[in-house]
PDB file of N, CA and C in Angstrom:
ATOM      1  N   MET A   1     121.763  92.873 132.030  1.00  0.00           N
ATOM      2  CA  MET A   1     120.435  93.127 132.528  1.00  0.00           C
ATOM      3  C   MET A   1     120.556  93.755 133.910  1.00  0.00           C
ATOM      4  N   THR A   2     119.667  94.699 134.171  1.00  0.00           N
ATOM      5  CA  THR A   2     119.621  95.361 135.457  1.00  0.00           C
ATOM      6  C   THR A   2     118.254  95.138 136.078  1.00  0.00           C
ATOM      7  N   ALA A   3     118.236  94.814 137.350  1.00  0.00           N
ATOM      8  CA  ALA A   3     116.981  94.664 138.074  1.00  0.00           C
ATOM      9  C   ALA A   3     116.979  95.642 139.234  1.00  0.00           C
ATOM     10  N   THR A   4     115.832  96.251 139.461  1.00  0.00           N
ATOM     11  CA  THR A   4     115.682  97.147 140.598  1.00  0.00           C
ATOM     12  C   THR A   4     114.425  96.750 141.363  1.00  0.00           C
ATOM     13  N   VAL A   5     114.377  97.088 142.623  1.00  0.00           N
ATOM     14  CA  VAL A   5     113.229  96.774 143.465  1.00  0.00           C
ATOM     15  C   VAL A   5     112.598  98.083 143.913  1.00  0.00           C
ATOM     16  N   HIS A   6     111.277  98.139 143.809  1.00  0.00           N
ATOM     17  CA  HIS A   6     110.520  99.330 144.201  1.00  0.00           C
ATOM     18  C   HIS A   6     109.371  98.913 145.089  1.00  0.00           C
ATOM     19  N   THR A   7     108.923  99.809 145.927  1.00  0.00           N
ATOM     20  CA  THR A   7     107.852  99.485 146.866  1.00  0.00           C
ATOM     21  C   THR A   7     106.470  99.480 146.229  1.00  0.00           C
ATOM     22  N   THR A   8     106.308 100.185 145.108  1.00  0.00           N
ATOM     23  CA  THR A   8     105.012 100.232 144.431  1.00  0.00           C
ATOM     24  C   THR A   8     105.225 100.222 142.913  1.00  0.00           C
ATOM     25  N   PRO A   9     104.219  99.783 142.170  1.00  0.00           N
ATOM     26  CA  PRO A   9     104.319  99.883 140.711  1.00  0.00           C
ATOM     27  C   PRO A   9     104.508 101.325 140.244  1.00  0.00           C
ATOM     28  N   ALA A  10     103.883 102.277 140.925  1.00  0.00           N
ATOM     29  CA  ALA A  10     104.017 103.684 140.544  1.00  0.00           C
ATOM     30  C   ALA A  10     105.455 104.167 140.696  1.00  0.00           C
ATOM     31  N   SER A  11     106.133 103.736 141.753  1.00  0.00           N
ATOM     32  CA  SER A  11     107.531 104.163 141.926  1.00  0.00           C
ATOM     33  C   SER A  11     108.430 103.525 140.873  1.00  0.00           C
ATOM     34  N   ALA A  12     108.127 102.300 140.473  1.00  0.00           N
ATOM     35  CA  ALA A  12     108.898 101.648 139.404  1.00  0.00           C
ATOM     36  C   ALA A  12     108.693 102.383 138.083  1.00  0.00           C
ATOM     37  N   THR A  13     107.447 102.745 137.784  1.00  0.00           N
ATOM     38  CA  THR A  13     107.145 103.477 136.558  1.00  0.00           C
ATOM     39  C   THR A  13     107.821 104.843 136.562  1.00  0.00           C
ATOM     40  N   SER A  14     107.796 105.511 137.680  1.00  0.00           N
ATOM     41  CA  SER A  14     108.418 106.823 137.794  1.00  0.00           C
ATOM     42  C   SER A  14     109.930 106.741 137.553  1.00  0.00           C
ATOM     43  N   GLU A  15     110.559 105.734 138.120  1.00  0.00           N
ATOM     44  CA  GLU A  15     112.004 105.556 137.926  1.00  0.00           C
ATOM     45  C   GLU A  15     112.316 105.222 136.465  1.00  0.00           C
ATOM     46  N   LEU A  16     111.509 104.381 135.850  1.00  0.00           N
ATOM     47  CA  LEU A  16     111.714 104.037 134.445  1.00  0.00           C
ATOM     48  C   LEU A  16     111.532 105.270 133.563  1.00  0.00           C
ATOM     49  N   ALA A  17     110.565 106.106 133.887  1.00  0.00           N
ATOM     50  CA  ALA A  17     110.347 107.341 133.132  1.00  0.00           C
ATOM     51  C   ALA A  17     111.543 108.277 133.259  1.00  0.00           C
ATOM     52  N   ARG A  18     112.124 108.357 134.443  1.00  0.00           N
ATOM     53  CA  ARG A  18     113.338 109.178 134.610  1.00  0.00           C
ATOM     54  C   ARG A  18     114.458 108.648 133.719  1.00  0.00           C
ATOM     55  N   TYR A  19     114.579 107.329 133.636  1.00  0.00           N
ATOM     56  CA  TYR A  19     115.601 106.719 132.781  1.00  0.00           C
ATOM     57  C   TYR A  19     115.394 107.106 131.316  1.00  0.00           C
ATOM     58  N   VAL A  20     114.164 106.938 130.802  1.00  0.00           N
ATOM     59  CA  VAL A  20     113.946 107.226 129.384  1.00  0.00           C
ATOM     60  C   VAL A  20     114.131 108.704 129.073  1.00  0.00           C
ATOM     61  N   ARG A  21     113.781 109.566 130.008  1.00  0.00           N
ATOM     62  CA  ARG A  21     114.000 110.998 129.779  1.00  0.00           C
ATOM     63  C   ARG A  21     115.488 111.336 129.768  1.00  0.00           C
ATOM     64  N   ARG A  22     116.264 110.643 130.591  1.00  0.00           N
ATOM     65  CA  ARG A  22     117.714 110.872 130.627  1.00  0.00           C
ATOM     66  C   ARG A  22     118.354 110.515 129.286  1.00  0.00           C
ATOM     67  N   TYR A  23     117.816 109.496 128.610  1.00  0.00           N
ATOM     68  CA  TYR A  23     118.391 109.025 127.345  1.00  0.00           C
ATOM     69  C   TYR A  23     117.505 109.322 126.140  1.00  0.00           C
ATOM     70  N   TRP A  24     116.584 110.259 126.282  1.00  0.00           N
ATOM     71  CA  TRP A  24     115.632 110.580 125.218  1.00  0.00           C
ATOM     72  C   TRP A  24     116.322 110.945 123.903  1.00  0.00           C
ATOM     73  N   ASP A  25     117.487 111.580 123.985  1.00  0.00           N
ATOM     74  CA  ASP A  25     118.179 112.003 122.758  1.00  0.00           C
ATOM     75  C   ASP A  25     118.500 110.818 121.850  1.00  0.00           C
ATOM     76  N   GLU A  26     118.535 109.604 122.394  1.00  0.00           N
ATOM     77  CA  GLU A  26     118.798 108.415 121.577  1.00  0.00           C
ATOM     78  C   GLU A  26     117.636 108.071 120.653  1.00  0.00           C
ATOM     79  N   VAL A  27     116.438 108.520 120.984  1.00  0.00           N
ATOM     80  CA  VAL A  27     115.271 108.211 120.142  1.00  0.00           C
ATOM     81  C   VAL A  27     114.680 109.451 119.473  1.00  0.00           C
ATOM     82  N   ALA A  28     115.048 110.627 119.950  1.00  0.00           N
ATOM     83  CA  ALA A  28     114.457 111.868 119.425  1.00  0.00           C
ATOM     84  C   ALA A  28     114.767 112.089 117.942  1.00  0.00           C
ATOM     85  N   GLU A  29     115.805 111.446 117.454  1.00  0.00           N
ATOM     86  CA  GLU A  29     116.183 111.624 116.047  1.00  0.00           C
ATOM     87  C   GLU A  29     115.317 110.805 115.092  1.00  0.00           C
ATOM     88  N   PHE A  30     114.528 109.868 115.623  1.00  0.00           N
ATOM     89  CA  PHE A  30     113.701 109.031 114.768  1.00  0.00           C
ATOM     90  C   PHE A  30     112.457 109.786 114.307  1.00  0.00           C
ATOM     91  N   ARG A  31     112.040 109.488 113.096  1.00  0.00           N
ATOM     92  CA  ARG A  31     110.871 110.146 112.518  1.00  0.00           C
ATOM     93  C   ARG A  31     109.629 109.899 113.368  1.00  0.00           C
ATOM     94  N   GLY A  32     108.911 110.957 113.633  1.00  0.00           N
ATOM     95  CA  GLY A  32     107.674 110.856 114.390  1.00  0.00           C
ATOM     96  C   GLY A  32     107.849 110.948 115.896  1.00  0.00           C
ATOM     97  N   VAL A  33     109.089 110.958 116.361  1.00  0.00           N
ATOM     98  CA  VAL A  33     109.346 111.053 117.799  1.00  0.00           C
ATOM     99  C   VAL A  33     109.552 112.522 118.158  1.00  0.00           C
ATOM    100  N   PRO A  34     108.847 113.002 119.184  1.00  0.00           N
ATOM    101  CA  PRO A  34     109.019 114.408 119.553  1.00  0.00           C
ATOM    102  C   PRO A  34     110.434 114.693 120.061  1.00  0.00           C
ATOM    103  N   ALA A  35     110.882 115.910 119.876  1.00  0.00           N
ATOM    104  CA  ALA A  35     112.225 116.301 120.316  1.00  0.00           C
ATOM    105  C   ALA A  35     112.366 116.199 121.828  1.00  0.00           C
ATOM    106  N   ASP A  36     111.290 116.456 122.550  1.00  0.00           N
ATOM    107  CA  ASP A  36     111.291 116.356 124.003  1.00  0.00           C
ATOM    108  C   ASP A  36     110.360 115.233 124.436  1.00  0.00           C
ATOM    109  N   ALA A  37     110.731 114.550 125.493  1.00  0.00           N
ATOM    110  CA  ALA A  37     109.899 113.457 126.001  1.00  0.00           C
ATOM    111  C   ALA A  37     108.560 113.996 126.487  1.00  0.00           C
ATOM    112  N   PRO A  38     107.491 113.240 126.276  1.00  0.00           N
ATOM    113  CA  PRO A  38     106.186 113.657 126.791  1.00  0.00           C
ATOM    114  C   PRO A  38     106.213 113.781 128.314  1.00  0.00           C
ATOM    115  N   SER A  39     105.372 114.632 128.851  1.00  0.00           N
ATOM    116  CA  SER A  39     105.320 114.794 130.303  1.00  0.00           C
ATOM    117  C   SER A  39     104.639 113.613 130.991  1.00  0.00           C
ATOM    118  N   ASP A  40     103.795 112.896 130.273  1.00  0.00           N
ATOM    119  CA  ASP A  40     103.143 111.719 130.825  1.00  0.00           C
ATOM    120  C   ASP A  40     104.137 110.554 130.855  1.00  0.00           C
ATOM    121  N   ASP A  41     104.358 109.975 132.031  1.00  0.00           N
ATOM    122  CA  ASP A  41     105.346 108.902 132.181  1.00  0.00           C
ATOM    123  C   ASP A  41     105.069 107.720 131.258  1.00  0.00           C
ATOM    124  N   ASP A  42     103.806 107.259 131.213  1.00  0.00           N
ATOM    125  CA  ASP A  42     103.482 106.096 130.383  1.00  0.00           C
ATOM    126  C   ASP A  42     103.717 106.373 128.902  1.00  0.00           C
ATOM    127  N   ASP A  43     103.391 107.567 128.454  1.00  0.00           N
ATOM    128  CA  ASP A  43     103.629 107.932 127.056  1.00  0.00           C
ATOM    129  C   ASP A  43     105.124 107.947 126.739  1.00  0.00           C
ATOM    130  N   ALA A  44     105.911 108.544 127.625  1.00  0.00           N
ATOM    131  CA  ALA A  44     107.360 108.609 127.405  1.00  0.00           C
ATOM    132  C   ALA A  44     107.971 107.213 127.360  1.00  0.00           C
ATOM    133  N   ILE A  45     107.569 106.369 128.285  1.00  0.00           N
ATOM    134  CA  ILE A  45     108.092 104.999 128.326  1.00  0.00           C
ATOM    135  C   ILE A  45     107.687 104.246 127.064  1.00  0.00           C
ATOM    136  N   GLY A  46     106.428 104.354 126.681  1.00  0.00           N
ATOM    137  CA  GLY A  46     105.940 103.647 125.502  1.00  0.00           C
ATOM    138  C   GLY A  46     106.672 104.044 124.235  1.00  0.00           C
ATOM    139  N   ILE A  47     106.821 105.334 124.015  1.00  0.00           N
ATOM    140  CA  ILE A  47     107.504 105.809 122.806  1.00  0.00           C
ATOM    141  C   ILE A  47     108.963 105.361 122.805  1.00  0.00           C
ATOM    142  N   TYR A  48     109.641 105.560 123.915  1.00  0.00           N
ATOM    143  CA  TYR A  48     111.071 105.231 123.991  1.00  0.00           C
ATOM    144  C   TYR A  48     111.315 103.766 123.644  1.00  0.00           C
ATOM    145  N   PHE A  49     110.590 102.861 124.280  1.00  0.00           N
ATOM    146  CA  PHE A  49     110.850 101.442 124.054  1.00  0.00           C
ATOM    147  C   PHE A  49     110.264 100.924 122.748  1.00  0.00           C
ATOM    148  N   ASP A  50     109.244 101.580 122.219  1.00  0.00           N
ATOM    149  CA  ASP A  50     108.743 101.214 120.887  1.00  0.00           C
ATOM    150  C   ASP A  50     109.789 101.513 119.818  1.00  0.00           C
ATOM    151  N   VAL A  51     110.533 102.587 119.998  1.00  0.00           N
ATOM    152  CA  VAL A  51     111.488 103.040 118.989  1.00  0.00           C
ATOM    153  C   VAL A  51     112.888 102.478 119.219  1.00  0.00           C
ATOM    154  N   HIS A  52     113.291 102.342 120.470  1.00  0.00           N
ATOM    155  CA  HIS A  52     114.659 101.913 120.803  1.00  0.00           C
ATOM    156  C   HIS A  52     114.721 100.387 120.709  1.00  0.00           C
ATOM    157  N   GLY A  53     115.189  99.902 119.583  1.00  0.00           N
ATOM    158  CA  GLY A  53     115.167  98.471 119.304  1.00  0.00           C
ATOM    159  C   GLY A  53     116.076  97.610 120.154  1.00  0.00           C
ATOM    160  N   SER A  54     117.076  98.178 120.788  1.00  0.00           N
ATOM    161  CA  SER A  54     118.017  97.347 121.534  1.00  0.00           C
ATOM    162  C   SER A  54     117.753  97.320 123.031  1.00  0.00           C
ATOM    163  N   GLU A  55     116.671  97.925 123.479  1.00  0.00           N
ATOM    164  CA  GLU A  55     116.330  97.934 124.901  1.00  0.00           C
ATOM    165  C   GLU A  55     114.889  97.495 125.094  1.00  0.00           C
ATOM    166  N   SER A  56     114.644  96.921 126.254  1.00  0.00           N
ATOM    167  CA  SER A  56     113.284  96.541 126.629  1.00  0.00           C
ATOM    168  C   SER A  56     113.178  96.600 128.147  1.00  0.00           C
ATOM    169  N   TYR A  57     111.978  96.431 128.642  1.00  0.00           N
ATOM    170  CA  TYR A  57     111.772  96.408 130.087  1.00  0.00           C
ATOM    171  C   TYR A  57     110.616  95.487 130.420  1.00  0.00           C
ATOM    172  N   THR A  58     110.613  95.030 131.649  1.00  0.00           N
ATOM    173  CA  THR A  58     109.520  94.240 132.181  1.00  0.00           C
ATOM    174  C   THR A  58     109.276  94.694 133.614  1.00  0.00           C
ATOM    175  N   LEU A  59     108.049  94.997 133.924  1.00  0.00           N
ATOM    176  CA  LEU A  59     107.685  95.307 135.300  1.00  0.00           C
ATOM    177  C   LEU A  59     106.954  94.092 135.856  1.00  0.00           C
ATOM    178  N   THR A  60     107.479  93.544 136.914  1.00  0.00           N
ATOM    179  CA  THR A  60     106.894  92.365 137.529  1.00  0.00           C
ATOM    180  C   THR A  60     106.590  92.659 138.985  1.00  0.00           C
ATOM    181  N   ILE A  61     105.397  92.311 139.409  1.00  0.00           N
ATOM    182  CA  ILE A  61     105.033  92.490 140.804  1.00  0.00           C
ATOM    183  C   ILE A  61     105.331  91.185 141.529  1.00  0.00           C
ATOM    184  N   ALA A  62     106.086  91.278 142.598  1.00  0.00           N
ATOM    185  CA  ALA A  62     106.461  90.095 143.364  1.00  0.00           C
ATOM    186  C   ALA A  62     106.510  90.435 144.849  1.00  0.00           C
ATOM    187  N   ALA A  63     106.166  89.483 145.652  1.00  0.00           N
ATOM    188  CA  ALA A  63     106.279  89.664 147.100  1.00  0.00           C
ATOM    189  C   ALA A  63     107.724  89.411 147.508  1.00  0.00           C
ATOM    190  N   VAL A  64     108.255  90.312 148.297  1.00  0.00           N
ATOM    191  CA  VAL A  64     109.619  90.154 148.814  1.00  0.00           C
ATOM    192  C   VAL A  64     109.487  89.859 150.296  1.00  0.00           C
ATOM    193  N   VAL A  65     109.948  88.702 150.688  1.00  0.00           N
ATOM    194  CA  VAL A  65     109.805  88.255 152.077  1.00  0.00           C
ATOM    195  C   VAL A  65     111.196  88.168 152.702  1.00  0.00           C
ATOM    196  N   GLY A  66     111.281  88.655 153.921  1.00  0.00           N
ATOM    197  CA  GLY A  66     112.533  88.498 154.662  1.00  0.00           C
ATOM    198  C   GLY A  66     113.389  89.653 154.744  1.00  0.00           C
TER     199      GLY A  66
END
């Protein structure tokens, strides 16, 4: 498991979208999945993790003190 810290939910989503686009070829072969990742970050993330059975993600908002 990998955890990353971001200053905003938008930056976390943007980083996750970059990840799914980097590995899009792993899901592009599945029926109904476009050959190229959608330009919308939420759409790309949703499709990738809906199809990629061995990966998941959780975005959690937490206060970091100190």
